C-alpha atoms as a PDB file:
ATOM      1  CA  MET A   1      17.388  10.780  29.252  1.00  0.00           C
ATOM      2  CA  THR A   2      16.868  14.148  27.613  1.00  0.00           C
ATOM      3  CA  ARG A   3      13.690  14.801  25.694  1.00  0.00           C
ATOM      4  CA  ARG A   4      14.121  16.672  22.436  1.00  0.00           C
ATOM      5  CA  GLU A   5      11.663  18.955  20.678  1.00  0.00           C
ATOM      6  CA  GLU A   6      12.356  17.202  17.374  1.00  0.00           C
ATOM      7  CA  PRO A   7      13.596  13.638  16.880  1.00  0.00           C
ATOM      8  CA  ASP A   8      17.171  13.106  15.720  1.00  0.00           C
ATOM      9  CA  LEU A   9      16.397  12.285  12.091  1.00  0.00           C
ATOM     10  CA  GLY A  10      19.851  10.843  11.431  1.00  0.00           C
ATOM     11  CA  LYS A  11      19.516   8.334  14.287  1.00  0.00           C
ATOM     12  CA  LEU A  12      16.002   7.404  13.192  1.00  0.00           C
ATOM     13  CA  ILE A  13      17.139   6.751   9.618  1.00  0.00           C
ATOM     14  CA  GLU A  14      20.120   4.720  10.865  1.00  0.00           C
ATOM     15  CA  TRP A  15      17.801   2.624  13.058  1.00  0.00           C
ATOM     16  CA  VAL A  16      15.281   1.949  10.263  1.00  0.00           C
ATOM     17  CA  LEU A  17      17.985   1.069   7.725  1.00  0.00           C
ATOM     18  CA  GLY A  18      19.615  -1.271  10.232  1.00  0.00           C
ATOM     19  CA  ILE A  19      16.344  -3.145  10.687  1.00  0.00           C
ATOM     20  CA  ALA A  20      15.798  -3.317   6.912  1.00  0.00           C
ATOM     21  CA  GLU A  21      19.327  -4.604   6.357  1.00  0.00           C
ATOM     22  CA  ALA A  22      18.985  -7.301   9.019  1.00  0.00           C
ATOM     23  CA  ARG A  23      15.669  -8.444   7.536  1.00  0.00           C
ATOM     24  CA  HIS A  24      17.114  -8.508   4.010  1.00  0.00           C
ATOM     25  CA  ARG A  25      20.181 -10.507   5.076  1.00  0.00           C
ATOM     26  CA  ALA A  26      17.947 -13.069   6.785  1.00  0.00           C
ATOM     27  CA  TRP A  27      15.646 -13.288   3.762  1.00  0.00           C
ATOM     28  CA  VAL A  28      18.546 -13.766   1.313  1.00  0.00           C
ATOM     29  CA  SER A  29      20.109 -16.504   3.437  1.00  0.00           C
ATOM     30  CA  GLY A  30      16.754 -18.244   3.891  1.00  0.00           C
ATOM     31  CA  ASP A  31      16.646 -17.612   7.643  1.00  0.00           C
ATOM     32  CA  PRO A  32      13.480 -16.511   9.458  1.00  0.00           C
ATOM     33  CA  ASP A  33      12.904 -12.801   9.899  1.00  0.00           C
ATOM     34  CA  PRO A  34      14.846 -11.673  12.992  1.00  0.00           C
ATOM     35  CA  TYR A  35      11.870  -9.546  14.075  1.00  0.00           C
ATOM     36  CA  GLY A  36       9.203 -12.168  13.332  1.00  0.00           C
ATOM     37  CA  LEU A  37       7.614 -10.063  10.585  1.00  0.00           C
ATOM     38  CA  PRO A  38       6.223 -11.383   7.288  1.00  0.00           C
ATOM     39  CA  PRO A  39       7.645 -10.089   3.981  1.00  0.00           C
ATOM     40  CA  PRO A  40       5.909  -6.990   2.574  1.00  0.00           C
ATOM     41  CA  ASP A  41       2.674  -7.728   0.689  1.00  0.00           C
ATOM     42  CA  ASP A  42       3.755  -5.702  -2.343  1.00  0.00           C
ATOM     43  CA  LEU A  43       6.874  -7.802  -2.914  1.00  0.00           C
ATOM     44  CA  PRO A  44       5.957  -9.972  -5.930  1.00  0.00           C
ATOM     45  CA  GLY A  45       7.214 -13.522  -5.769  1.00  0.00           C
ATOM     46  CA  ALA A  46       8.934 -12.950  -2.450  1.00  0.00           C
ATOM     47  CA  THR A  47       7.470 -15.933  -0.660  1.00  0.00           C
ATOM     48  CA  ARG A  48      10.167 -18.119   0.819  1.00  0.00           C
END
C-alpha cells in the first residue's frame, strides 16, 4: 500500500456515492439498510 499526501478525491466521492445509492435502493424497496444505519433525521416523513 502506498500512502499519499492527499486523498484521491475521485475515489472518495465514488465510495460515498456508492454507499448512498445502496442505502437509497434498500429504502425504496423496503429492505433494511445494508449498513445498519437509521435514515437521516432531517428526512421528513421518511420513516419506513
